[in-house]
Amino acid sequence: MKIYTKTGDKGTTALFGGTRVPKDHIRIESYGTVDELNSYIGLIRDQEINPHYKNILIEIQDRLFTVGAILATPPEKEVMKNGELRLQKLVITESDIELLEKEIDTMEEALPPMTHFVLPGGHTTVSYCHISRCVCRRAERLAVHLDHNEAVAEIVIKYLNRLSDYLFVLARKLSNDLNAEEVKWIPRK
């Protein structure tokens, strides 16, 4: 398989199922942002962090490939001729969301309660988490925007929402683990 196909040279790309759309189509923006998020999560995983977090991040990256595949498939192409779902094996489930929630709860038990917003930063690894969280929120906003035009599985939006929460708590936990200062945001008066 060649890396370059030249089929996108005029500013269009193919979705799963073959439908061609402009490269700036909201569906492309949506799954492209999920791909960007996946790359940033890989950057977190490449840091010197607890192996447990690395394993969870690999699971998340796998789920994000699934999210991307779901977003890359227009609703009219989801069902095959025999009536079976084309993406039958590519699903996000409630158990994927429950994993994130369990991880959030476990990390929060080991952290002091939040009393203020915190400024992103304090350590490079923590900053990567905050960047990932922001990209995740953008992916979520784009998926919601897409859903206004073409149906997006509700669980995809829910997963992205919970993932951004996970990334925020991971940033706090890594700040704690790395003895990085969490700078509170206290508005000027």
C-alpha atoms as a PDB file:
ATOM      1  CA  MET A   1       0.000   0.000   0.000  1.00  0.00           C
ATOM      2  CA  LYS A   2       1.424   3.381  -1.006  1.00  0.00           C
ATOM      3  CA  ILE A   3       1.369   6.271   1.440  1.00  0.00           C
ATOM      4  CA  TYR A   4       0.442   8.773  -1.229  1.00  0.00           C
ATOM      5  CA  THR A   5      -2.576   8.216  -3.442  1.00  0.00           C
ATOM      6  CA  LYS A   6      -2.877  11.675  -5.041  1.00  0.00           C
ATOM      7  CA  THR A   7      -6.668  11.411  -4.652  1.00  0.00           C
ATOM      8  CA  GLY A   8      -6.685  14.318  -2.189  1.00  0.00           C
ATOM      9  CA  ASP A   9      -4.676  16.696  -4.341  1.00  0.00           C
ATOM     10  CA  LYS A  10      -7.757  18.760  -5.160  1.00  0.00           C
ATOM     11  CA  GLY A  11      -8.829  19.268  -1.555  1.00  0.00           C
ATOM     12  CA  THR A  12     -11.164  16.324  -1.026  1.00  0.00           C
ATOM     13  CA  THR A  13     -10.850  13.114   0.924  1.00  0.00           C
ATOM     14  CA  ALA A  14     -12.801   9.889   1.221  1.00  0.00           C
ATOM     15  CA  LEU A  15     -14.800   8.863   4.254  1.00  0.00           C
ATOM     16  CA  PHE A  16     -15.271   5.188   5.162  1.00  0.00           C
ATOM     17  CA  GLY A  17     -17.604   3.858   2.505  1.00  0.00           C
ATOM     18  CA  GLY A  18     -16.086   5.976  -0.278  1.00  0.00           C
ATOM     19  CA  THR A  19     -18.055   9.228  -0.047  1.00  0.00           C
ATOM     20  CA  ARG A  20     -15.772  12.143  -0.955  1.00  0.00           C
ATOM     21  CA  VAL A  21     -15.998  15.398   0.982  1.00  0.00           C
ATOM     22  CA  PRO A  22     -13.925  18.584   1.205  1.00  0.00           C
ATOM     23  CA  LYS A  23     -10.991  18.301   3.585  1.00  0.00           C
ATOM     24  CA  ASP A  24     -12.444  21.106   5.693  1.00  0.00           C
ATOM     25  CA  HIS A  25     -15.776  19.287   6.183  1.00  0.00           C
ATOM     26  CA  ILE A  26     -16.873  19.222   9.842  1.00  0.00           C
ATOM     27  CA  ARG A  27     -16.646  15.407   9.830  1.00  0.00           C
ATOM     28  CA  ILE A  28     -12.974  15.616   8.771  1.00  0.00           C
ATOM     29  CA  GLU A  29     -12.300  18.336  11.358  1.00  0.00           C
ATOM     30  CA  SER A  30     -13.941  16.137  13.970  1.00  0.00           C
ATOM     31  CA  TYR A  31     -11.986  12.941  13.430  1.00  0.00           C
ATOM     32  CA  GLY A  32      -8.823  14.876  12.562  1.00  0.00           C
ATOM     33  CA  THR A  33      -8.953  16.505  15.975  1.00  0.00           C
ATOM     34  CA  VAL A  34      -9.400  13.077  17.572  1.00  0.00           C
ATOM     35  CA  ASP A  35      -6.246  12.000  15.710  1.00  0.00           C
ATOM     36  CA  GLU A  36      -4.427  15.079  17.029  1.00  0.00           C
ATOM     37  CA  LEU A  37      -5.591  14.205  20.537  1.00  0.00           C
ATOM     38  CA  ASN A  38      -4.311  10.660  20.107  1.00  0.00           C
ATOM     39  CA  SER A  39      -0.877  12.001  19.191  1.00  0.00           C
ATOM     40  CA  TYR A  40      -0.735  14.220  22.272  1.00  0.00           C
ATOM     41  CA  ILE A  41      -1.760  11.297  24.462  1.00  0.00           C
ATOM     42  CA  GLY A  42       1.140   9.373  22.928  1.00  0.00           C
ATOM     43  CA  LEU A  43       3.389  12.218  24.050  1.00  0.00           C
ATOM     44  CA  ILE A  44       2.115  11.849  27.643  1.00  0.00           C
ATOM     45  CA  ARG A  45       2.674   8.097  27.433  1.00  0.00           C
ATOM     46  CA  ASP A  46       6.279   8.678  26.336  1.00  0.00           C
ATOM     47  CA  GLN A  47       7.065  10.479  29.596  1.00  0.00           C
ATOM     48  CA  GLU A  48       8.489   8.894  32.740  1.00  0.00           C
ATOM     49  CA  ILE A  49       5.177   8.121  34.431  1.00  0.00           C
ATOM     50  CA  ASN A  50       3.674   5.232  36.370  1.00  0.00           C
ATOM     51  CA  PRO A  51       3.311   2.150  34.118  1.00  0.00           C
ATOM     52  CA  HIS A  52      -0.352   1.882  35.167  1.00  0.00           C
ATOM     53  CA  TYR A  53      -1.064   5.275  33.593  1.00  0.00           C
ATOM     54  CA  LYS A  54       0.839   4.232  30.469  1.00  0.00           C
ATOM     55  CA  ASN A  55      -1.383   1.132  30.150  1.00  0.00           C
ATOM     56  CA  ILE A  56      -4.544   3.190  30.598  1.00  0.00           C
ATOM     57  CA  LEU A  57      -3.299   5.671  27.992  1.00  0.00           C
ATOM     58  CA  ILE A  58      -2.709   2.819  25.513  1.00  0.00           C
ATOM     59  CA  GLU A  59      -6.307   1.699  26.100  1.00  0.00           C
ATOM     60  CA  ILE A  60      -7.495   5.274  25.545  1.00  0.00           C
ATOM     61  CA  GLN A  61      -5.472   5.556  22.334  1.00  0.00           C
ATOM     62  CA  ASP A  62      -7.078   2.351  21.082  1.00  0.00           C
ATOM     63  CA  ARG A  63     -10.535   3.731  21.900  1.00  0.00           C
ATOM     64  CA  LEU A  64      -9.682   6.975  20.118  1.00  0.00           C
ATOM     65  CA  PHE A  65      -8.924   5.045  16.926  1.00  0.00           C
ATOM     66  CA  THR A  66     -12.404   3.581  17.290  1.00  0.00           C
ATOM     67  CA  VAL A  67     -13.905   7.038  17.865  1.00  0.00           C
ATOM     68  CA  GLY A  68     -12.085   8.269  14.759  1.00  0.00           C
ATOM     69  CA  ALA A  69     -13.419   5.377  12.686  1.00  0.00           C
ATOM     70  CA  ILE A  70     -16.957   6.035  13.893  1.00  0.00           C
ATOM     71  CA  LEU A  71     -16.655   9.737  13.073  1.00  0.00           C
ATOM     72  CA  ALA A  72     -15.140   8.926   9.650  1.00  0.00           C
ATOM     73  CA  THR A  73     -18.210   6.912   8.684  1.00  0.00           C
ATOM     74  CA  PRO A  74     -21.213   8.878   7.443  1.00  0.00           C
ATOM     75  CA  PRO A  75     -24.551   7.609   8.806  1.00  0.00           C
ATOM     76  CA  GLU A  76     -25.718   6.360   5.406  1.00  0.00           C
ATOM     77  CA  LYS A  77     -22.670   4.071   5.153  1.00  0.00           C
ATOM     78  CA  GLU A  78     -22.954   2.521   8.629  1.00  0.00           C
ATOM     79  CA  VAL A  79     -25.306  -0.261   7.518  1.00  0.00           C
ATOM     80  CA  MET A  80     -24.166  -2.895   5.047  1.00  0.00           C
ATOM     81  CA  LYS A  81     -26.469  -4.506   2.477  1.00  0.00           C
ATOM     82  CA  ASN A  82     -27.165  -7.494   4.708  1.00  0.00           C
ATOM     83  CA  GLY A  83     -28.367  -5.175   7.474  1.00  0.00           C
ATOM     84  CA  GLU A  84     -25.346  -5.663   9.738  1.00  0.00           C
ATOM     85  CA  LEU A  85     -23.571  -2.655  11.129  1.00  0.00           C
ATOM     86  CA  ARG A  86     -20.353  -1.942   9.266  1.00  0.00           C
ATOM     87  CA  LEU A  87     -18.803  -0.756  12.517  1.00  0.00           C
ATOM     88  CA  GLN A  88     -20.199  -3.622  14.535  1.00  0.00           C
ATOM     89  CA  LYS A  89     -16.798  -4.484  16.006  1.00  0.00           C
ATOM     90  CA  LEU A  90     -15.772  -0.843  16.356  1.00  0.00           C
ATOM     91  CA  VAL A  91     -17.809   0.387  19.289  1.00  0.00           C
ATOM     92  CA  ILE A  92     -17.415   2.527  22.340  1.00  0.00           C
ATOM     93  CA  THR A  93     -19.283   1.041  25.281  1.00  0.00           C
ATOM     94  CA  GLU A  94     -20.427   2.149  28.700  1.00  0.00           C
ATOM     95  CA  SER A  95     -17.609   0.012  30.131  1.00  0.00           C
ATOM     96  CA  ASP A  96     -15.100   2.271  28.319  1.00  0.00           C
ATOM     97  CA  ILE A  97     -16.634   5.262  30.098  1.00  0.00           C
ATOM     98  CA  GLU A  98     -16.773   3.372  33.399  1.00  0.00           C
ATOM     99  CA  LEU A  99     -13.040   2.675  33.131  1.00  0.00           C
ATOM    100  CA  LEU A 100     -12.350   6.403  32.869  1.00  0.00           C
ATOM    101  CA  GLU A 101     -14.671   7.128  35.794  1.00  0.00           C
ATOM    102  CA  LYS A 102     -13.010   4.435  37.933  1.00  0.00           C
ATOM    103  CA  GLU A 103      -9.580   5.865  37.137  1.00  0.00           C
ATOM    104  CA  ILE A 104     -10.767   9.409  37.930  1.00  0.00           C
ATOM    105  CA  ASP A 105     -12.210   8.286  41.267  1.00  0.00           C
ATOM    106  CA  THR A 106      -9.043   6.387  42.210  1.00  0.00           C
ATOM    107  CA  MET A 107      -6.786   9.343  41.386  1.00  0.00           C
ATOM    108  CA  GLU A 108      -9.032  11.833  43.191  1.00  0.00           C
ATOM    109  CA  GLU A 109      -8.908   9.746  46.380  1.00  0.00           C
ATOM    110  CA  ALA A 110      -5.156  10.379  46.506  1.00  0.00           C
ATOM    111  CA  LEU A 111      -5.416  14.138  45.845  1.00  0.00           C
ATOM    112  CA  PRO A 112      -6.280  17.079  48.044  1.00  0.00           C
ATOM    113  CA  PRO A 113      -9.690  18.543  47.240  1.00  0.00           C
ATOM    114  CA  MET A 114      -9.757  21.275  44.623  1.00  0.00           C
ATOM    115  CA  THR A 115     -10.504  24.686  46.071  1.00  0.00           C
ATOM    116  CA  HIS A 116      -9.559  26.803  43.043  1.00  0.00           C
ATOM    117  CA  PHE A 117      -8.963  26.463  39.344  1.00  0.00           C
ATOM    118  CA  VAL A 118      -5.319  25.699  38.606  1.00  0.00           C
ATOM    119  CA  LEU A 119      -3.108  27.236  35.972  1.00  0.00           C
ATOM    120  CA  PRO A 120      -1.820  24.683  33.455  1.00  0.00           C
ATOM    121  CA  GLY A 121       1.866  23.938  33.905  1.00  0.00           C
ATOM    122  CA  GLY A 122       4.304  23.102  36.638  1.00  0.00           C
ATOM    123  CA  HIS A 123       6.007  20.270  34.775  1.00  0.00           C
ATOM    124  CA  THR A 124       6.328  19.356  31.106  1.00  0.00           C
ATOM    125  CA  THR A 125       4.377  16.116  31.554  1.00  0.00           C
ATOM    126  CA  VAL A 126       1.563  17.954  33.328  1.00  0.00           C
ATOM    127  CA  SER A 127       1.481  20.531  30.536  1.00  0.00           C
ATOM    128  CA  TYR A 128       1.103  17.739  27.962  1.00  0.00           C
ATOM    129  CA  CYS A 129      -1.942  16.537  29.922  1.00  0.00           C
ATOM    130  CA  HIS A 130      -3.463  20.021  29.865  1.00  0.00           C
ATOM    131  CA  ILE A 131      -2.830  20.383  26.130  1.00  0.00           C
ATOM    132  CA  SER A 132      -4.449  16.980  25.587  1.00  0.00           C
ATOM    133  CA  ARG A 133      -7.425  18.022  27.709  1.00  0.00           C
ATOM    134  CA  CYS A 134      -7.897  21.165  25.605  1.00  0.00           C
ATOM    135  CA  VAL A 135      -7.649  19.224  22.335  1.00  0.00           C
ATOM    136  CA  CYS A 136     -10.124  16.689  23.744  1.00  0.00           C
ATOM    137  CA  ARG A 137     -12.605  19.483  24.535  1.00  0.00           C
ATOM    138  CA  ARG A 138     -12.196  20.782  20.981  1.00  0.00           C
ATOM    139  CA  ALA A 139     -12.821  17.274  19.617  1.00  0.00           C
ATOM    140  CA  GLU A 140     -15.945  17.094  21.756  1.00  0.00           C
ATOM    141  CA  ARG A 141     -17.181  20.491  20.507  1.00  0.00           C
ATOM    142  CA  LEU A 142     -16.594  19.439  16.901  1.00  0.00           C
ATOM    143  CA  ALA A 143     -18.422  16.129  17.425  1.00  0.00           C
ATOM    144  CA  VAL A 144     -21.357  18.061  18.909  1.00  0.00           C
ATOM    145  CA  HIS A 145     -21.271  20.439  15.934  1.00  0.00           C
ATOM    146  CA  LEU A 146     -21.257  17.470  13.571  1.00  0.00           C
ATOM    147  CA  ASP A 147     -24.179  15.979  15.492  1.00  0.00           C
ATOM    148  CA  HIS A 148     -26.210  19.108  14.708  1.00  0.00           C
ATOM    149  CA  ASN A 149     -25.877  18.232  10.997  1.00  0.00           C
ATOM    150  CA  GLU A 150     -25.501  14.444  10.901  1.00  0.00           C
ATOM    151  CA  ALA A 151     -26.175  11.996  13.713  1.00  0.00           C
ATOM    152  CA  VAL A 152     -23.203  11.121  15.923  1.00  0.00           C
ATOM    153  CA  ALA A 153     -23.532   8.287  18.394  1.00  0.00           C
ATOM    154  CA  GLU A 154     -24.266   9.851  21.776  1.00  0.00           C
ATOM    155  CA  ILE A 155     -21.726   7.581  23.444  1.00  0.00           C
ATOM    156  CA  VAL A 156     -18.912   9.080  21.349  1.00  0.00           C
ATOM    157  CA  ILE A 157     -19.667  12.549  22.710  1.00  0.00           C
ATOM    158  CA  LYS A 158     -20.034  11.144  26.222  1.00  0.00           C
ATOM    159  CA  TYR A 159     -16.670   9.352  25.924  1.00  0.00           C
ATOM    160  CA  LEU A 160     -14.883  12.520  24.801  1.00  0.00           C
ATOM    161  CA  ASN A 161     -16.493  14.469  27.643  1.00  0.00           C
ATOM    162  CA  ARG A 162     -15.368  11.948  30.251  1.00  0.00           C
ATOM    163  CA  LEU A 163     -11.926  11.669  28.683  1.00  0.00           C
ATOM    164  CA  SER A 164     -11.329  15.397  29.108  1.00  0.00           C
ATOM    165  CA  ASP A 165     -12.253  14.993  32.791  1.00  0.00           C
ATOM    166  CA  TYR A 166      -9.811  12.089  33.048  1.00  0.00           C
ATOM    167  CA  LEU A 167      -7.022  14.145  31.466  1.00  0.00           C
ATOM    168  CA  PHE A 168      -7.615  16.998  33.912  1.00  0.00           C
ATOM    169  CA  VAL A 169      -7.443  14.681  36.920  1.00  0.00           C
ATOM    170  CA  LEU A 170      -4.398  12.918  35.441  1.00  0.00           C
ATOM    171  CA  ALA A 171      -2.694  16.315  35.192  1.00  0.00           C
ATOM    172  CA  ARG A 172      -3.433  16.935  38.871  1.00  0.00           C
ATOM    173  CA  LYS A 173      -2.277  13.436  39.866  1.00  0.00           C
ATOM    174  CA  LEU A 174       0.946  13.761  37.901  1.00  0.00           C
ATOM    175  CA  SER A 175       1.550  17.176  39.488  1.00  0.00           C
ATOM    176  CA  ASN A 176       1.256  15.426  42.823  1.00  0.00           C
ATOM    177  CA  ASP A 177       3.428  12.457  41.806  1.00  0.00           C
ATOM    178  CA  LEU A 178       6.118  14.710  40.319  1.00  0.00           C
ATOM    179  CA  ASN A 179       6.057  17.186  43.210  1.00  0.00           C
ATOM    180  CA  ALA A 180       5.177  19.924  40.747  1.00  0.00           C
ATOM    181  CA  GLU A 181       3.596  23.081  42.061  1.00  0.00           C
ATOM    182  CA  GLU A 182      -0.084  23.535  41.294  1.00  0.00           C
ATOM    183  CA  VAL A 183      -0.560  27.257  40.901  1.00  0.00           C
ATOM    184  CA  LYS A 184      -4.039  28.296  41.947  1.00  0.00           C
ATOM    185  CA  TRP A 185      -5.892  30.788  39.824  1.00  0.00           C
ATOM    186  CA  ILE A 186      -7.089  33.539  42.097  1.00  0.00           C
ATOM    187  CA  PRO A 187      -8.810  36.349  40.183  1.00  0.00           C
ATOM    188  CA  ARG A 188      -7.468  39.858  40.704  1.00  0.00           C
ATOM    189  CA  LYS A 189      -9.791  42.196  42.526  1.00  0.00           C
END
